[in-house]
Amino acid sequence: MKKKIWIILFIILSVLFLYKSYNIINKVINYSNHNEYLKKPADQQQIEDWMTLNYIKRRFNIDLQEKLWDKYYVWDMKITLKDYCKKKKINCNEFILSLQKK
């Protein structure tokens, strides 16, 4: 009985470790491509299509629900702006300009 508990505990911890590792590797890969951009001073950074909606909301302090609620309904805030524009069939450049207007 004790051996079964240890095996189950080991499996659970292994799955958690793999899940966390996947998330860390995913973030490293995604943000390493944009490392030069992220090194820029905050006042020189602008919204770009590779950013997630959640990142835009936090980084640029934009209330996306206010900006998107009338025209677009967003459930998944982890979607990139580029994928969001494809999904909603809108021009991403115009949409970025509308987000940058405060």
N, C-alpha and C. Protein backbone atom coordinates (compact mmCIF):
# COMPACT_ATOMS: atom_id res chain seq x y z
N MET A 1 0.82 -1.20 0.00
CA MET A 1 0.00 0.00 0.00
C MET A 1 0.87 1.27 0.00
N LYS A 2 1.89 1.24 0.81
CA LYS A 2 2.77 2.40 0.90
C LYS A 2 3.50 2.65 -0.42
N LYS A 3 3.86 1.58 -1.10
CA LYS A 3 4.54 1.69 -2.38
C LYS A 3 3.64 2.33 -3.43
N LYS A 4 2.36 2.01 -3.43
CA LYS A 4 1.41 2.60 -4.38
C LYS A 4 1.27 4.10 -4.16
N ILE A 5 1.24 4.49 -2.92
CA ILE A 5 1.12 5.93 -2.59
C ILE A 5 2.34 6.68 -3.11
N TRP A 6 3.53 6.13 -2.93
CA TRP A 6 4.75 6.76 -3.42
C TRP A 6 4.78 6.85 -4.94
N ILE A 7 4.30 5.81 -5.59
CA ILE A 7 4.25 5.81 -7.05
C ILE A 7 3.27 6.86 -7.56
N ILE A 8 2.11 6.95 -6.95
CA ILE A 8 1.11 7.95 -7.33
C ILE A 8 1.65 9.36 -7.09
N LEU A 9 2.28 9.55 -5.94
CA LEU A 9 2.86 10.86 -5.61
C LEU A 9 3.96 11.22 -6.62
N PHE A 10 4.78 10.27 -6.99
CA PHE A 10 5.83 10.50 -7.97
C PHE A 10 5.24 10.88 -9.33
N ILE A 11 4.20 10.20 -9.74
CA ILE A 11 3.56 10.50 -11.03
C ILE A 11 2.95 11.90 -11.02
N ILE A 12 2.28 12.26 -9.95
CA ILE A 12 1.68 13.59 -9.85
C ILE A 12 2.75 14.67 -9.90
N LEU A 13 3.82 14.48 -9.14
CA LEU A 13 4.90 15.48 -9.14
C LEU A 13 5.60 15.55 -10.49
N SER A 14 5.73 14.43 -11.16
CA SER A 14 6.35 14.43 -12.49
C SER A 14 5.50 15.20 -13.50
N VAL A 15 4.20 15.01 -13.44
CA VAL A 15 3.30 15.73 -14.34
C VAL A 15 3.36 17.24 -14.06
N LEU A 16 3.36 17.62 -12.80
CA LEU A 16 3.47 19.05 -12.45
C LEU A 16 4.80 19.63 -12.93
N PHE A 17 5.86 18.87 -12.76
CA PHE A 17 7.17 19.33 -13.21
C PHE A 17 7.20 19.51 -14.73
N LEU A 18 6.66 18.57 -15.45
CA LEU A 18 6.61 18.68 -16.91
C LEU A 18 5.77 19.87 -17.37
N TYR A 19 4.66 20.09 -16.71
CA TYR A 19 3.78 21.21 -17.06
C TYR A 19 4.51 22.54 -16.83
N LYS A 20 5.13 22.69 -15.68
CA LYS A 20 5.85 23.93 -15.38
C LYS A 20 7.04 24.12 -16.34
N SER A 21 7.73 23.05 -16.64
CA SER A 21 8.87 23.12 -17.56
C SER A 21 8.42 23.57 -18.94
N TYR A 22 7.31 23.02 -19.40
CA TYR A 22 6.77 23.40 -20.70
C TYR A 22 6.45 24.90 -20.73
N ASN A 23 5.81 25.40 -19.69
CA ASN A 23 5.47 26.83 -19.65
C ASN A 23 6.72 27.71 -19.64
N ILE A 24 7.71 27.32 -18.90
CA ILE A 24 8.94 28.11 -18.84
C ILE A 24 9.64 28.10 -20.19
N ILE A 25 9.76 26.94 -20.80
CA ILE A 25 10.42 26.84 -22.10
C ILE A 25 9.65 27.64 -23.15
N ASN A 26 8.34 27.57 -23.10
CA ASN A 26 7.51 28.31 -24.04
C ASN A 26 7.73 29.82 -23.91
N LYS A 27 7.80 30.32 -22.69
CA LYS A 27 8.03 31.75 -22.48
C LYS A 27 9.42 32.16 -22.93
N VAL A 28 10.40 31.33 -22.65
CA VAL A 28 11.78 31.65 -23.06
C VAL A 28 11.87 31.73 -24.58
N ILE A 29 11.27 30.79 -25.25
CA ILE A 29 11.31 30.78 -26.72
C ILE A 29 10.57 31.98 -27.30
N ASN A 30 9.38 32.26 -26.78
CA ASN A 30 8.59 33.36 -27.32
C ASN A 30 9.23 34.72 -27.07
N TYR A 31 9.76 34.94 -25.88
CA TYR A 31 10.30 36.25 -25.57
C TYR A 31 11.75 36.41 -26.00
N SER A 32 12.46 35.33 -26.25
CA SER A 32 13.84 35.48 -26.73
C SER A 32 13.87 36.07 -28.13
N ASN A 33 12.84 35.82 -28.91
CA ASN A 33 12.76 36.41 -30.25
C ASN A 33 12.60 37.92 -30.18
N HIS A 34 12.10 38.41 -29.09
CA HIS A 34 11.80 39.85 -28.95
C HIS A 34 12.66 40.48 -27.85
N ASN A 35 13.79 39.89 -27.59
CA ASN A 35 14.66 40.35 -26.52
C ASN A 35 15.15 41.78 -26.75
N GLU A 36 15.50 42.13 -27.97
CA GLU A 36 15.97 43.48 -28.27
C GLU A 36 14.87 44.52 -28.02
N TYR A 37 13.65 44.15 -28.38
CA TYR A 37 12.53 45.06 -28.15
C TYR A 37 12.33 45.29 -26.66
N LEU A 38 12.40 44.22 -25.88
CA LEU A 38 12.15 44.32 -24.45
C LEU A 38 13.26 45.07 -23.71
N LYS A 39 14.43 45.21 -24.34
CA LYS A 39 15.52 45.97 -23.72
C LYS A 39 15.34 47.47 -23.89
N LYS A 40 14.47 47.88 -24.80
CA LYS A 40 14.25 49.32 -25.03
C LYS A 40 13.65 49.96 -23.77
N PRO A 41 13.92 51.26 -23.59
CA PRO A 41 13.26 51.96 -22.48
C PRO A 41 11.74 51.95 -22.66
N ALA A 42 11.03 52.02 -21.57
CA ALA A 42 9.56 51.89 -21.59
C ALA A 42 8.90 52.94 -22.47
N ASP A 43 9.45 54.15 -22.51
CA ASP A 43 8.81 55.20 -23.31
C ASP A 43 9.00 55.01 -24.81
N GLN A 44 9.91 54.13 -25.22
CA GLN A 44 10.13 53.86 -26.65
C GLN A 44 9.38 52.62 -27.14
N GLN A 45 8.76 51.89 -26.23
CA GLN A 45 8.04 50.69 -26.62
C GLN A 45 6.64 51.04 -27.10
N GLN A 46 6.21 50.31 -28.13
CA GLN A 46 4.87 50.50 -28.68
C GLN A 46 4.21 49.13 -28.81
N ILE A 47 2.91 49.15 -29.00
CA ILE A 47 2.16 47.92 -29.15
C ILE A 47 2.52 47.28 -30.49
N GLU A 48 2.80 45.97 -30.46
CA GLU A 48 3.11 45.23 -31.68
C GLU A 48 2.25 43.98 -31.73
N ASP A 49 2.15 43.39 -32.92
CA ASP A 49 1.21 42.29 -33.11
C ASP A 49 1.64 40.97 -32.47
N TRP A 50 2.88 40.80 -32.03
CA TRP A 50 3.31 39.57 -31.39
C TRP A 50 2.92 39.53 -29.91
N MET A 51 2.50 40.64 -29.37
CA MET A 51 2.15 40.73 -27.95
C MET A 51 0.79 40.09 -27.68
N THR A 52 0.66 39.50 -26.50
CA THR A 52 -0.64 38.96 -26.11
C THR A 52 -1.51 40.09 -25.59
N LEU A 53 -2.80 39.87 -25.60
CA LEU A 53 -3.73 40.89 -25.11
C LEU A 53 -3.49 41.17 -23.63
N ASN A 54 -3.19 40.12 -22.89
CA ASN A 54 -2.94 40.29 -21.46
C ASN A 54 -1.67 41.13 -21.22
N TYR A 55 -0.63 40.91 -22.02
CA TYR A 55 0.60 41.69 -21.91
C TYR A 55 0.33 43.16 -22.23
N ILE A 56 -0.44 43.41 -23.26
CA ILE A 56 -0.78 44.78 -23.64
C ILE A 56 -1.54 45.46 -22.51
N LYS A 57 -2.47 44.75 -21.95
CA LYS A 57 -3.27 45.30 -20.85
C LYS A 57 -2.39 45.68 -19.67
N ARG A 58 -1.47 44.79 -19.30
CA ARG A 58 -0.60 45.06 -18.14
C ARG A 58 0.47 46.09 -18.45
N ARG A 59 1.13 45.95 -19.59
CA ARG A 59 2.30 46.78 -19.90
C ARG A 59 1.93 48.22 -20.24
N PHE A 60 0.86 48.40 -21.01
CA PHE A 60 0.49 49.73 -21.47
C PHE A 60 -0.68 50.31 -20.70
N ASN A 61 -1.16 49.58 -19.71
CA ASN A 61 -2.24 50.04 -18.83
C ASN A 61 -3.47 50.46 -19.64
N ILE A 62 -3.89 49.58 -20.54
CA ILE A 62 -5.05 49.83 -21.39
C ILE A 62 -6.18 48.94 -20.93
N ASP A 63 -7.33 49.53 -20.72
CA ASP A 63 -8.51 48.74 -20.35
C ASP A 63 -9.09 48.13 -21.62
N LEU A 64 -8.68 46.91 -21.91
CA LEU A 64 -9.09 46.27 -23.17
C LEU A 64 -10.57 45.96 -23.20
N GLN A 65 -11.17 45.69 -22.06
CA GLN A 65 -12.61 45.42 -22.06
C GLN A 65 -13.37 46.66 -22.54
N GLU A 66 -12.89 47.81 -22.14
CA GLU A 66 -13.52 49.06 -22.60
C GLU A 66 -13.31 49.26 -24.09
N LYS A 67 -12.10 48.94 -24.58
CA LYS A 67 -11.79 49.13 -25.99
C LYS A 67 -12.42 48.06 -26.88
N LEU A 68 -12.57 46.85 -26.36
CA LEU A 68 -13.01 45.73 -27.18
C LEU A 68 -14.47 45.35 -26.97
N TRP A 69 -15.05 45.75 -25.88
CA TRP A 69 -16.37 45.23 -25.51
C TRP A 69 -17.44 45.55 -26.55
N ASP A 70 -17.45 46.76 -27.06
CA ASP A 70 -18.49 47.14 -28.02
C ASP A 70 -18.38 46.36 -29.33
N LYS A 71 -17.16 46.24 -29.84
CA LYS A 71 -16.97 45.64 -31.15
C LYS A 71 -16.57 44.18 -31.07
N TYR A 72 -15.74 43.85 -30.11
CA TYR A 72 -15.14 42.52 -30.07
C TYR A 72 -15.27 41.97 -28.66
N TYR A 73 -15.63 40.71 -28.57
CA TYR A 73 -15.75 40.07 -27.26
C TYR A 73 -14.57 39.13 -27.07
N VAL A 74 -13.80 39.32 -26.01
CA VAL A 74 -12.58 38.55 -25.80
C VAL A 74 -12.72 37.66 -24.58
N TRP A 75 -12.50 36.38 -24.80
CA TRP A 75 -12.46 35.43 -23.67
C TRP A 75 -11.02 35.10 -23.33
N ASP A 76 -10.23 34.82 -24.33
CA ASP A 76 -8.86 34.37 -24.13
C ASP A 76 -7.91 35.55 -24.21
N MET A 77 -7.41 35.99 -23.08
CA MET A 77 -6.50 37.13 -23.05
C MET A 77 -5.06 36.73 -23.35
N LYS A 78 -4.79 35.43 -23.52
CA LYS A 78 -3.45 34.97 -23.83
C LYS A 78 -3.21 34.88 -25.34
N ILE A 79 -4.18 35.24 -26.11
CA ILE A 79 -4.06 35.20 -27.57
C ILE A 79 -3.21 36.40 -28.02
N THR A 80 -2.38 36.18 -29.04
CA THR A 80 -1.58 37.29 -29.54
C THR A 80 -2.47 38.23 -30.34
N LEU A 81 -2.03 39.44 -30.47
CA LEU A 81 -2.80 40.44 -31.21
C LEU A 81 -2.94 40.04 -32.67
N LYS A 82 -1.89 39.46 -33.23
CA LYS A 82 -1.93 39.01 -34.62
C LYS A 82 -2.99 37.93 -34.82
N ASP A 83 -3.04 36.94 -33.91
CA ASP A 83 -4.04 35.87 -34.01
C ASP A 83 -5.45 36.40 -33.76
N TYR A 84 -5.55 37.37 -32.87
CA TYR A 84 -6.85 37.98 -32.58
C TYR A 84 -7.39 38.69 -33.81
N CYS A 85 -6.51 39.42 -34.49
CA CYS A 85 -6.94 40.13 -35.70
C CYS A 85 -7.36 39.16 -36.79
N LYS A 86 -6.63 38.06 -36.93
CA LYS A 86 -7.02 37.04 -37.91
C LYS A 86 -8.38 36.45 -37.56
N LYS A 87 -8.57 36.17 -36.30
CA LYS A 87 -9.81 35.55 -35.85
C LYS A 87 -11.01 36.46 -36.09
N LYS A 88 -10.83 37.74 -35.83
CA LYS A 88 -11.93 38.70 -35.98
C LYS A 88 -11.98 39.33 -37.37
N LYS A 89 -11.01 38.99 -38.21
CA LYS A 89 -10.93 39.49 -39.59
C LYS A 89 -10.91 41.01 -39.64
N ILE A 90 -9.99 41.57 -38.87
CA ILE A 90 -9.83 43.03 -38.85
C ILE A 90 -8.40 43.37 -39.25
N ASN A 91 -8.19 44.60 -39.65
CA ASN A 91 -6.87 45.09 -40.01
C ASN A 91 -6.08 45.34 -38.72
N CYS A 92 -5.00 44.61 -38.56
CA CYS A 92 -4.23 44.68 -37.32
C CYS A 92 -3.56 46.05 -37.13
N ASN A 93 -3.07 46.64 -38.20
CA ASN A 93 -2.41 47.95 -38.09
C ASN A 93 -3.38 49.02 -37.60
N GLU A 94 -4.57 49.03 -38.15
CA GLU A 94 -5.58 50.01 -37.70
C GLU A 94 -5.98 49.74 -36.26
N PHE A 95 -6.09 48.48 -35.92
CA PHE A 95 -6.47 48.13 -34.57
C PHE A 95 -5.40 48.55 -33.56
N ILE A 96 -4.14 48.37 -33.93
CA ILE A 96 -3.03 48.80 -33.06
C ILE A 96 -3.07 50.31 -32.88
N LEU A 97 -3.32 51.05 -33.96
CA LEU A 97 -3.43 52.51 -33.85
C LEU A 97 -4.56 52.92 -32.93
N SER A 98 -5.67 52.21 -32.99
CA SER A 98 -6.79 52.55 -32.11
C SER A 98 -6.47 52.24 -30.66
N LEU A 99 -5.68 51.21 -30.42
CA LEU A 99 -5.27 50.90 -29.04
C LEU A 99 -4.29 51.90 -28.50
N GLN A 100 -3.43 52.45 -29.36
CA GLN A 100 -2.41 53.39 -28.91
C GLN A 100 -2.99 54.77 -28.59
N LYS A 101 -4.15 55.05 -29.12
CA LYS A 101 -4.82 56.31 -28.78
C LYS A 101 -5.37 56.19 -27.37
N LYS A 102 -4.98 57.09 -26.51
CA LYS A 102 -5.44 57.00 -25.11
C LYS A 102 -6.41 58.09 -24.79
